Amino acid sequence: MAKTASKNAKVKDLKASAEAKNWTKVIRALRSPKTGAYTFKEAIVHKDKVKEYLAQ
């Protein structure tokens, strides 16, 4: 007999997935002053703070 997921577990998963939608992966291209080659920095940023992160 298969186990059934409890109602609390389902509610917890829905809250977690709703919270996860507020985060964004941001990739910035940075140019090295020595070689002129590009490097990439990745970060997970809250969707409200994306512009602030890119302005740095």
PDB file of N, CA and C in Angstrom:
ATOM      1  N   MET A   1       0.845  -1.164   0.000  1.00  0.00           N
ATOM      2  CA  MET A   1       0.000   0.000   0.000  1.00  0.00           C
ATOM      3  C   MET A   1       0.900   1.239   0.000  1.00  0.00           C
ATOM      4  N   ALA A   2       0.607   2.187  -0.852  1.00  0.00           N
ATOM      5  CA  ALA A   2       1.410   3.399  -0.975  1.00  0.00           C
ATOM      6  C   ALA A   2       1.054   4.397   0.110  1.00  0.00           C
ATOM      7  N   LYS A   3       2.062   5.143   0.507  1.00  0.00           N
ATOM      8  CA  LYS A   3       1.823   6.195   1.496  1.00  0.00           C
ATOM      9  C   LYS A   3       1.169   7.384   0.808  1.00  0.00           C
ATOM     10  N   THR A   4       0.334   8.057   1.547  1.00  0.00           N
ATOM     11  CA  THR A   4      -0.281   9.270   1.015  1.00  0.00           C
ATOM     12  C   THR A   4       0.365  10.473   1.691  1.00  0.00           C
ATOM     13  N   ALA A   5       0.528  11.523   0.952  1.00  0.00           N
ATOM     14  CA  ALA A   5       1.131  12.733   1.511  1.00  0.00           C
ATOM     15  C   ALA A   5       0.129  13.406   2.437  1.00  0.00           C
ATOM     16  N   SER A   6       0.630  13.884   3.545  1.00  0.00           N
ATOM     17  CA  SER A   6      -0.266  14.552   4.482  1.00  0.00           C
ATOM     18  C   SER A   6      -0.653  15.929   3.945  1.00  0.00           C
ATOM     19  N   LYS A   7      -1.733  16.431   4.436  1.00  0.00           N
ATOM     20  CA  LYS A   7      -2.232  17.730   3.990  1.00  0.00           C
ATOM     21  C   LYS A   7      -1.228  18.835   4.338  1.00  0.00           C
ATOM     22  N   ASN A   8      -0.569  18.716   5.483  1.00  0.00           N
ATOM     23  CA  ASN A   8       0.411  19.721   5.898  1.00  0.00           C
ATOM     24  C   ASN A   8       1.611  19.748   4.959  1.00  0.00           C
ATOM     25  N   ALA A   9       2.031  18.602   4.471  1.00  0.00           N
ATOM     26  CA  ALA A   9       3.166  18.543   3.560  1.00  0.00           C
ATOM     27  C   ALA A   9       2.821  19.222   2.240  1.00  0.00           C
ATOM     28  N   LYS A  10       1.607  19.044   1.766  1.00  0.00           N
ATOM     29  CA  LYS A  10       1.188  19.676   0.511  1.00  0.00           C
ATOM     30  C   LYS A  10       1.156  21.191   0.654  1.00  0.00           C
ATOM     31  N   VAL A  11       0.644  21.684   1.767  1.00  0.00           N
ATOM     32  CA  VAL A  11       0.567  23.122   2.008  1.00  0.00           C
ATOM     33  C   VAL A  11       1.973  23.703   2.112  1.00  0.00           C
ATOM     34  N   LYS A  12       2.870  23.000   2.773  1.00  0.00           N
ATOM     35  CA  LYS A  12       4.255  23.448   2.932  1.00  0.00           C
ATOM     36  C   LYS A  12       4.935  23.548   1.567  1.00  0.00           C
ATOM     37  N   ASP A  13       4.725  22.564   0.687  1.00  0.00           N
ATOM     38  CA  ASP A  13       5.317  22.578  -0.641  1.00  0.00           C
ATOM     39  C   ASP A  13       4.775  23.736  -1.475  1.00  0.00           C
ATOM     40  N   LEU A  14       3.485  24.041  -1.353  1.00  0.00           N
ATOM     41  CA  LEU A  14       2.904  25.151  -2.096  1.00  0.00           C
ATOM     42  C   LEU A  14       3.495  26.488  -1.646  1.00  0.00           C
ATOM     43  N   LYS A  15       3.695  26.639  -0.343  1.00  0.00           N
ATOM     44  CA  LYS A  15       4.279  27.880   0.174  1.00  0.00           C
ATOM     45  C   LYS A  15       5.722  28.016  -0.302  1.00  0.00           C
ATOM     46  N   ALA A  16       6.463  26.929  -0.292  1.00  0.00           N
ATOM     47  CA  ALA A  16       7.860  26.968  -0.718  1.00  0.00           C
ATOM     48  C   ALA A  16       7.966  27.289  -2.203  1.00  0.00           C
ATOM     49  N   SER A  17       7.093  26.721  -3.015  1.00  0.00           N
ATOM     50  CA  SER A  17       7.154  26.993  -4.450  1.00  0.00           C
ATOM     51  C   SER A  17       6.719  28.422  -4.747  1.00  0.00           C
ATOM     52  N   ALA A  18       5.787  28.959  -3.978  1.00  0.00           N
ATOM     53  CA  ALA A  18       5.372  30.345  -4.169  1.00  0.00           C
ATOM     54  C   ALA A  18       6.505  31.291  -3.793  1.00  0.00           C
ATOM     55  N   GLU A  19       7.234  30.983  -2.746  1.00  0.00           N
ATOM     56  CA  GLU A  19       8.367  31.806  -2.321  1.00  0.00           C
ATOM     57  C   GLU A  19       9.516  31.706  -3.333  1.00  0.00           C
ATOM     58  N   ALA A  20       9.722  30.566  -3.932  1.00  0.00           N
ATOM     59  CA  ALA A  20      10.812  30.367  -4.885  1.00  0.00           C
ATOM     60  C   ALA A  20      10.616  31.211  -6.149  1.00  0.00           C
ATOM     61  N   LYS A  21       9.404  31.538  -6.471  1.00  0.00           N
ATOM     62  CA  LYS A  21       9.135  32.336  -7.675  1.00  0.00           C
ATOM     63  C   LYS A  21       9.584  33.783  -7.514  1.00  0.00           C
ATOM     64  N   ASN A  22       9.929  34.200  -6.305  1.00  0.00           N
ATOM     65  CA  ASN A  22      10.365  35.564  -6.054  1.00  0.00           C
ATOM     66  C   ASN A  22      11.869  35.748  -6.264  1.00  0.00           C
ATOM     67  N   TRP A  23      12.602  34.695  -6.584  1.00  0.00           N
ATOM     68  CA  TRP A  23      14.047  34.762  -6.748  1.00  0.00           C
ATOM     69  C   TRP A  23      14.407  34.598  -8.220  1.00  0.00           C
ATOM     70  N   THR A  24      15.489  35.262  -8.643  1.00  0.00           N
ATOM     71  CA  THR A  24      15.906  35.263 -10.038  1.00  0.00           C
ATOM     72  C   THR A  24      17.404  34.990 -10.111  1.00  0.00           C
ATOM     73  N   LYS A  25      17.806  34.244 -11.116  1.00  0.00           N
ATOM     74  CA  LYS A  25      19.234  34.022 -11.363  1.00  0.00           C
ATOM     75  C   LYS A  25      19.726  35.129 -12.281  1.00  0.00           C
ATOM     76  N   VAL A  26      20.747  35.856 -11.827  1.00  0.00           N
ATOM     77  CA  VAL A  26      21.285  36.984 -12.580  1.00  0.00           C
ATOM     78  C   VAL A  26      22.725  36.645 -12.980  1.00  0.00           C
ATOM     79  N   ILE A  27      23.046  36.877 -14.249  1.00  0.00           N
ATOM     80  CA  ILE A  27      24.390  36.625 -14.758  1.00  0.00           C
ATOM     81  C   ILE A  27      24.955  37.947 -15.266  1.00  0.00           C
ATOM     82  N   ARG A  28      26.100  38.349 -14.709  1.00  0.00           N
ATOM     83  CA  ARG A  28      26.753  39.591 -15.113  1.00  0.00           C
ATOM     84  C   ARG A  28      28.032  39.265 -15.871  1.00  0.00           C
ATOM     85  N   ALA A  29      28.280  39.990 -16.941  1.00  0.00           N
ATOM     86  CA  ALA A  29      29.529  39.861 -17.686  1.00  0.00           C
ATOM     87  C   ALA A  29      30.472  40.955 -17.205  1.00  0.00           C
ATOM     88  N   LEU A  30      31.640  40.551 -16.731  1.00  0.00           N
ATOM     89  CA  LEU A  30      32.640  41.489 -16.244  1.00  0.00           C
ATOM     90  C   LEU A  30      33.882  41.376 -17.111  1.00  0.00           C
ATOM     91  N   ARG A  31      34.451  42.497 -17.462  1.00  0.00           N
ATOM     92  CA  ARG A  31      35.638  42.501 -18.310  1.00  0.00           C
ATOM     93  C   ARG A  31      36.881  42.641 -17.440  1.00  0.00           C
ATOM     94  N   SER A  32      37.862  41.789 -17.669  1.00  0.00           N
ATOM     95  CA  SER A  32      39.110  41.828 -16.929  1.00  0.00           C
ATOM     96  C   SER A  32      39.954  43.009 -17.407  1.00  0.00           C
ATOM     97  N   PRO A  33      40.456  43.830 -16.482  1.00  0.00           N
ATOM     98  CA  PRO A  33      41.277  44.968 -16.910  1.00  0.00           C
ATOM     99  C   PRO A  33      42.633  44.546 -17.484  1.00  0.00           C
ATOM    100  N   LYS A  34      43.167  43.406 -17.060  1.00  0.00           N
ATOM    101  CA  LYS A  34      44.469  42.942 -17.545  1.00  0.00           C
ATOM    102  C   LYS A  34      44.401  42.377 -18.956  1.00  0.00           C
ATOM    103  N   THR A  35      43.500  41.408 -19.148  1.00  0.00           N
ATOM    104  CA  THR A  35      43.475  40.687 -20.425  1.00  0.00           C
ATOM    105  C   THR A  35      42.380  41.155 -21.365  1.00  0.00           C
ATOM    106  N   GLY A  36      41.366  41.796 -20.840  1.00  0.00           N
ATOM    107  CA  GLY A  36      40.251  42.222 -21.672  1.00  0.00           C
ATOM    108  C   GLY A  36      39.236  41.115 -21.913  1.00  0.00           C
ATOM    109  N   ALA A  37      39.475  39.948 -21.331  1.00  0.00           N
ATOM    110  CA  ALA A  37      38.550  38.823 -21.487  1.00  0.00           C
ATOM    111  C   ALA A  37      37.359  38.995 -20.551  1.00  0.00           C
ATOM    112  N   TYR A  38      36.253  38.429 -20.947  1.00  0.00           N
ATOM    113  CA  TYR A  38      35.048  38.504 -20.128  1.00  0.00           C
ATOM    114  C   TYR A  38      34.976  37.320 -19.178  1.00  0.00           C
ATOM    115  N   THR A  39      34.534  37.590 -17.972  1.00  0.00           N
ATOM    116  CA  THR A  39      34.199  36.539 -17.016  1.00  0.00           C
ATOM    117  C   THR A  39      32.753  36.758 -16.613  1.00  0.00           C
ATOM    118  N   PHE A  40      32.130  35.721 -16.131  1.00  0.00           N
ATOM    119  CA  PHE A  40      30.709  35.795 -15.790  1.00  0.00           C
ATOM    120  C   PHE A  40      30.518  35.472 -14.323  1.00  0.00           C
ATOM    121  N   LYS A  41      29.730  36.293 -13.649  1.00  0.00           N
ATOM    122  CA  LYS A  41      29.381  36.074 -12.247  1.00  0.00           C
ATOM    123  C   LYS A  41      27.895  35.779 -12.177  1.00  0.00           C
ATOM    124  N   GLU A  42      27.559  34.708 -11.489  1.00  0.00           N
ATOM    125  CA  GLU A  42      26.165  34.317 -11.322  1.00  0.00           C
ATOM    126  C   GLU A  42      25.752  34.532  -9.873  1.00  0.00           C
ATOM    127  N   ALA A  43      24.513  34.945  -9.683  1.00  0.00           N
ATOM    128  CA  ALA A  43      23.981  35.120  -8.334  1.00  0.00           C
ATOM    129  C   ALA A  43      22.476  34.904  -8.359  1.00  0.00           C
ATOM    130  N   ILE A  44      21.962  34.423  -7.244  1.00  0.00           N
ATOM    131  CA  ILE A  44      20.523  34.286  -7.054  1.00  0.00           C
ATOM    132  C   ILE A  44      20.083  35.489  -6.219  1.00  0.00           C
ATOM    133  N   VAL A  45      19.229  36.333  -6.799  1.00  0.00           N
ATOM    134  CA  VAL A  45      18.854  37.600  -6.185  1.00  0.00           C
ATOM    135  C   VAL A  45      17.329  37.683  -6.119  1.00  0.00           C
ATOM    136  N   HIS A  46      16.829  38.320  -5.064  1.00  0.00           N
ATOM    137  CA  HIS A  46      15.383  38.542  -4.961  1.00  0.00           C
ATOM    138  C   HIS A  46      14.947  39.450  -6.104  1.00  0.00           C
ATOM    139  N   LYS A  47      13.780  39.214  -6.650  1.00  0.00           N
ATOM    140  CA  LYS A  47      13.342  39.929  -7.855  1.00  0.00           C
ATOM    141  C   LYS A  47      13.248  41.438  -7.657  1.00  0.00           C
ATOM    142  N   ASP A  48      13.060  41.893  -6.429  1.00  0.00           N
ATOM    143  CA  ASP A  48      12.981  43.325  -6.158  1.00  0.00           C
ATOM    144  C   ASP A  48      14.357  43.992  -6.133  1.00  0.00           C
ATOM    145  N   LYS A  49      15.427  43.212  -6.020  1.00  0.00           N
ATOM    146  CA  LYS A  49      16.775  43.762  -5.877  1.00  0.00           C
ATOM    147  C   LYS A  49      17.644  43.557  -7.120  1.00  0.00           C
ATOM    148  N   VAL A  50      17.068  43.150  -8.238  1.00  0.00           N
ATOM    149  CA  VAL A  50      17.837  42.865  -9.451  1.00  0.00           C
ATOM    150  C   VAL A  50      18.518  44.121  -9.979  1.00  0.00           C
ATOM    151  N   LYS A  51      17.813  45.222 -10.071  1.00  0.00           N
ATOM    152  CA  LYS A  51      18.395  46.462 -10.591  1.00  0.00           C
ATOM    153  C   LYS A  51      19.527  46.960  -9.712  1.00  0.00           C
ATOM    154  N   GLU A  52      19.377  46.828  -8.410  1.00  0.00           N
ATOM    155  CA  GLU A  52      20.441  47.236  -7.489  1.00  0.00           C
ATOM    156  C   GLU A  52      21.682  46.382  -7.700  1.00  0.00           C
ATOM    157  N   TYR A  53      21.492  45.085  -7.888  1.00  0.00           N
ATOM    158  CA  TYR A  53      22.624  44.173  -8.095  1.00  0.00           C
ATOM    159  C   TYR A  53      23.358  44.499  -9.401  1.00  0.00           C
ATOM    160  N   LEU A  54      22.622  44.774 -10.453  1.00  0.00           N
ATOM    161  CA  LEU A  54      23.247  45.072 -11.737  1.00  0.00           C
ATOM    162  C   LEU A  54      23.914  46.447 -11.741  1.00  0.00           C
ATOM    163  N   ALA A  55      23.487  47.363 -10.883  1.00  0.00           N
ATOM    164  CA  ALA A  55      24.065  48.702 -10.834  1.00  0.00           C
ATOM    165  C   ALA A  55      25.429  48.711 -10.137  1.00  0.00           C
ATOM    166  N   GLN A  56      25.767  47.670  -9.410  1.00  0.00           N
ATOM    167  CA  GLN A  56      27.035  47.615  -8.679  1.00  0.00           C
ATOM    168  C   GLN A  56      28.212  47.641  -9.618  1.00  0.00           C
TER     169      GLN A  56
END
